[in-house]
């Protein structure tokens, strides 16, 4: 049986990839990126905050090539070397079922992972700012959200650096594999807020 979401067109096809910044290149992920991404995603300091743990590269390779995974993953390169990856999932904004003009593909959830070997150089900030430009300018989205464990301070500090606003803290709403139930945090940015801050 095919899920209705499987029939949704690939929103990211509307973007002219690759997207370049002053120092970085953002592009769609390919199956052959699996090993480069696993090299830093499997590090304990990175893996600690990821939603799923992969201890074997073979298991990661299978996961990486799943259509839904490739459709939402972008690779960040600096001078041809992979320095991180981004998550971009376009979805419909929430609406009551009887609203005539229900929103379609007007919102996105974003996320990021940066190789620790390349941290401290502003690559995460530069790549996420470029990702937000893609969301609002290329895709014409209305709203972008991101979430993290509250204890993952570098992640939510990045959200603040790129202009996102904290919308809420969930008290012990997030189950961490090592820490148990911990607080989670949600940030968002609207297109008009992004334009006003530009």
Foldseek 3Di string as FASTA:
>chain_A
DDDPVVVDDLLCVLDDPFDDDPFKTKGQDDLVCLVLACVQCQDPVNVQWDPDHDNDSVVSSVVCPDVVNSSFKIFMDGPRHTFWMKGKDFAFDDDPPPDPCGGGRQEIEMDMGGRPVPPPPCSVLRVVLSVVCCNCPRSVHFKYKYKGFVVVVVRVVSCVVSPWAWDDKAAQPDQGPPPGRGIMTMTMDGNVSNVVVD
